[in-house]
C-alpha atoms as a PDB file:
ATOM      1  CA  VAL A   1     -15.193 -69.222  19.782  1.00  0.00           C
ATOM      2  CA  VAL A   2     -11.652 -69.202  21.155  1.00  0.00           C
ATOM      3  CA  GLN A   3     -10.018 -71.829  23.364  1.00  0.00           C
ATOM      4  CA  GLY A   4      -9.261 -70.404  26.789  1.00  0.00           C
ATOM      5  CA  LYS A   5      -5.738 -70.319  28.194  1.00  0.00           C
ATOM      6  CA  ASP A   6      -6.398 -73.150  30.650  1.00  0.00           C
ATOM      7  CA  GLU A   7      -9.268 -74.790  28.754  1.00  0.00           C
ATOM      8  CA  THR A   8      -8.753 -78.423  27.814  1.00  0.00           C
ATOM      9  CA  LEU A   9      -9.192 -79.501  24.232  1.00  0.00           C
ATOM     10  CA  ARG A  10     -12.222 -81.606  25.229  1.00  0.00           C
ATOM     11  CA  ASP A  11     -13.882 -78.632  26.946  1.00  0.00           C
ATOM     12  CA  TYR A  12     -13.153 -76.361  23.991  1.00  0.00           C
ATOM     13  CA  LEU A  13     -14.568 -78.857  21.479  1.00  0.00           C
ATOM     14  CA  THR A  14     -17.690 -79.306  23.604  1.00  0.00           C
ATOM     15  CA  ARG A  15     -18.205 -75.554  23.895  1.00  0.00           C
ATOM     16  CA  PHE A  16     -17.512 -75.041  20.186  1.00  0.00           C
ATOM     17  CA  ASN A  17     -20.044 -77.718  19.230  1.00  0.00           C
ATOM     18  CA  GLN A  18     -22.686 -76.208  21.523  1.00  0.00           C
ATOM     19  CA  GLU A  19     -22.125 -72.761  20.034  1.00  0.00           C
ATOM     20  CA  SER A  20     -22.099 -74.050  16.453  1.00  0.00           C
ATOM     21  CA  LEU A  21     -25.503 -75.663  16.978  1.00  0.00           C
ATOM     22  CA  THR A  22     -26.955 -72.198  17.573  1.00  0.00           C
ATOM     23  CA  VAL A  23     -25.842 -70.986  14.122  1.00  0.00           C
ATOM     24  CA  LYS A  24     -28.496 -71.567  11.480  1.00  0.00           C
ATOM     25  CA  ASP A  25     -27.267 -73.158   8.230  1.00  0.00           C
ATOM     26  CA  LEU A  26     -23.632 -73.224   9.321  1.00  0.00           C
ATOM     27  CA  GLU A  27     -21.452 -74.219   6.379  1.00  0.00           C
ATOM     28  CA  PRO A  28     -19.159 -77.144   7.296  1.00  0.00           C
ATOM     29  CA  SER A  29     -16.143 -75.410   5.762  1.00  0.00           C
ATOM     30  CA  PHE A  30     -16.801 -72.296   7.845  1.00  0.00           C
ATOM     31  CA  ALA A  31     -17.177 -74.383  11.017  1.00  0.00           C
ATOM     32  CA  LEU A  32     -13.883 -76.145  10.260  1.00  0.00           C
ATOM     33  CA  ALA A  33     -12.079 -72.836   9.723  1.00  0.00           C
ATOM     34  CA  ALA A  34     -13.634 -71.296  12.848  1.00  0.00           C
ATOM     35  CA  LEU A  35     -12.632 -74.259  15.004  1.00  0.00           C
ATOM     36  CA  ASN A  36      -9.086 -74.184  13.622  1.00  0.00           C
ATOM     37  CA  ASN A  37      -8.766 -70.452  14.227  1.00  0.00           C
ATOM     38  CA  GLY A  38     -10.063 -70.746  17.781  1.00  0.00           C
ATOM     39  CA  LEU A  39      -7.507 -73.318  18.935  1.00  0.00           C
ATOM     40  CA  ARG A  40      -4.612 -72.217  21.148  1.00  0.00           C
ATOM     41  CA  SER A  41      -1.686 -71.596  18.837  1.00  0.00           C
ATOM     42  CA  ASN A  42       0.866 -73.339  21.068  1.00  0.00           C
ATOM     43  CA  SER A  43      -0.850 -76.743  21.231  1.00  0.00           C
ATOM     44  CA  ARG A  44       0.489 -79.953  19.747  1.00  0.00           C
ATOM     45  CA  PHE A  45      -2.847 -80.463  18.045  1.00  0.00           C
ATOM     46  CA  VAL A  46      -2.498 -77.179  16.141  1.00  0.00           C
ATOM     47  CA  PHE A  47       1.032 -78.188  15.141  1.00  0.00           C
ATOM     48  CA  SER A  48      -0.375 -81.456  13.782  1.00  0.00           C
ATOM     49  CA  LEU A  49      -3.055 -79.593  11.813  1.00  0.00           C
ATOM     50  CA  LEU A  50      -0.484 -77.218  10.371  1.00  0.00           C
ATOM     51  CA  LYS A  51       1.626 -80.155   9.206  1.00  0.00           C
ATOM     52  CA  ARG A  52      -1.363 -81.988   7.752  1.00  0.00           C
ATOM     53  CA  PRO A  53      -4.617 -80.005   7.567  1.00  0.00           C
ATOM     54  CA  ALA A  54      -7.872 -81.860   8.154  1.00  0.00           C
ATOM     55  CA  LYS A  55      -9.919 -82.434   5.009  1.00  0.00           C
ATOM     56  CA  ASP A  56     -13.230 -82.021   6.805  1.00  0.00           C
ATOM     57  CA  MET A  57     -14.802 -81.683  10.242  1.00  0.00           C
ATOM     58  CA  ALA A  58     -15.166 -85.449  10.675  1.00  0.00           C
ATOM     59  CA  GLU A  59     -11.431 -85.956  10.175  1.00  0.00           C
ATOM     60  CA  LEU A  60     -10.588 -83.078  12.489  1.00  0.00           C
ATOM     61  CA  LEU A  61     -12.799 -84.455  15.264  1.00  0.00           C
ATOM     62  CA  LYS A  62     -11.394 -87.965  14.848  1.00  0.00           C
ATOM     63  CA  ARG A  63      -7.857 -86.629  15.155  1.00  0.00           C
ATOM     64  CA  ALA A  64      -8.866 -84.350  18.022  1.00  0.00           C
ATOM     65  CA  GLU A  65     -10.153 -87.338  19.983  1.00  0.00           C
ATOM     66  CA  ARG A  66      -6.651 -88.838  19.982  1.00  0.00           C
ATOM     67  CA  TYR A  67      -5.222 -85.601  21.334  1.00  0.00           C
ATOM     68  CA  VAL A  68      -7.986 -85.333  23.940  1.00  0.00           C
ATOM     69  CA  ASN A  69      -7.180 -88.839  25.168  1.00  0.00           C
ATOM     70  CA  ALA A  70      -3.461 -88.067  25.326  1.00  0.00           C
ATOM     71  CA  GLU A  71      -4.087 -84.756  27.103  1.00  0.00           C
ATOM     72  CA  GLU A  72      -6.266 -86.467  29.703  1.00  0.00           C
ATOM     73  CA  GLU A  73      -3.709 -89.237  30.222  1.00  0.00           C
ATOM     74  CA  MET A  74      -0.973 -86.654  30.792  1.00  0.00           C
ATOM     75  CA  LEU A  75      -3.147 -84.827  33.344  1.00  0.00           C
ATOM     76  CA  ALA A  76      -3.860 -88.105  35.144  1.00  0.00           C
ATOM     77  CA  ARG A  77      -0.145 -88.902  35.312  1.00  0.00           C
ATOM     78  CA  LYS A  78       0.634 -85.475  36.759  1.00  0.00           C
ATOM     79  CA  GLN A  79      -1.883 -86.045  39.540  1.00  0.00           C
ATOM     80  CA  LYS A  80      -0.281 -89.335  40.640  1.00  0.00           C
END
């Protein structure tokens, strides 16, 4: 599952989670690697993960939530 060019991080994470639920016995480490590999390479979130990789999916999702909130705030400011 790859993040689309104009797809928000929230939308990508939602789609990734929906797709991952369809995979029987998905190993957490494989899911973590797949999510990482599917992120747009030019995002600030990817840069953060490259600097300090997430230890597990829970940590990645917790960190992602901060980036989702920031991304949504930036979009809201642009629309003002």
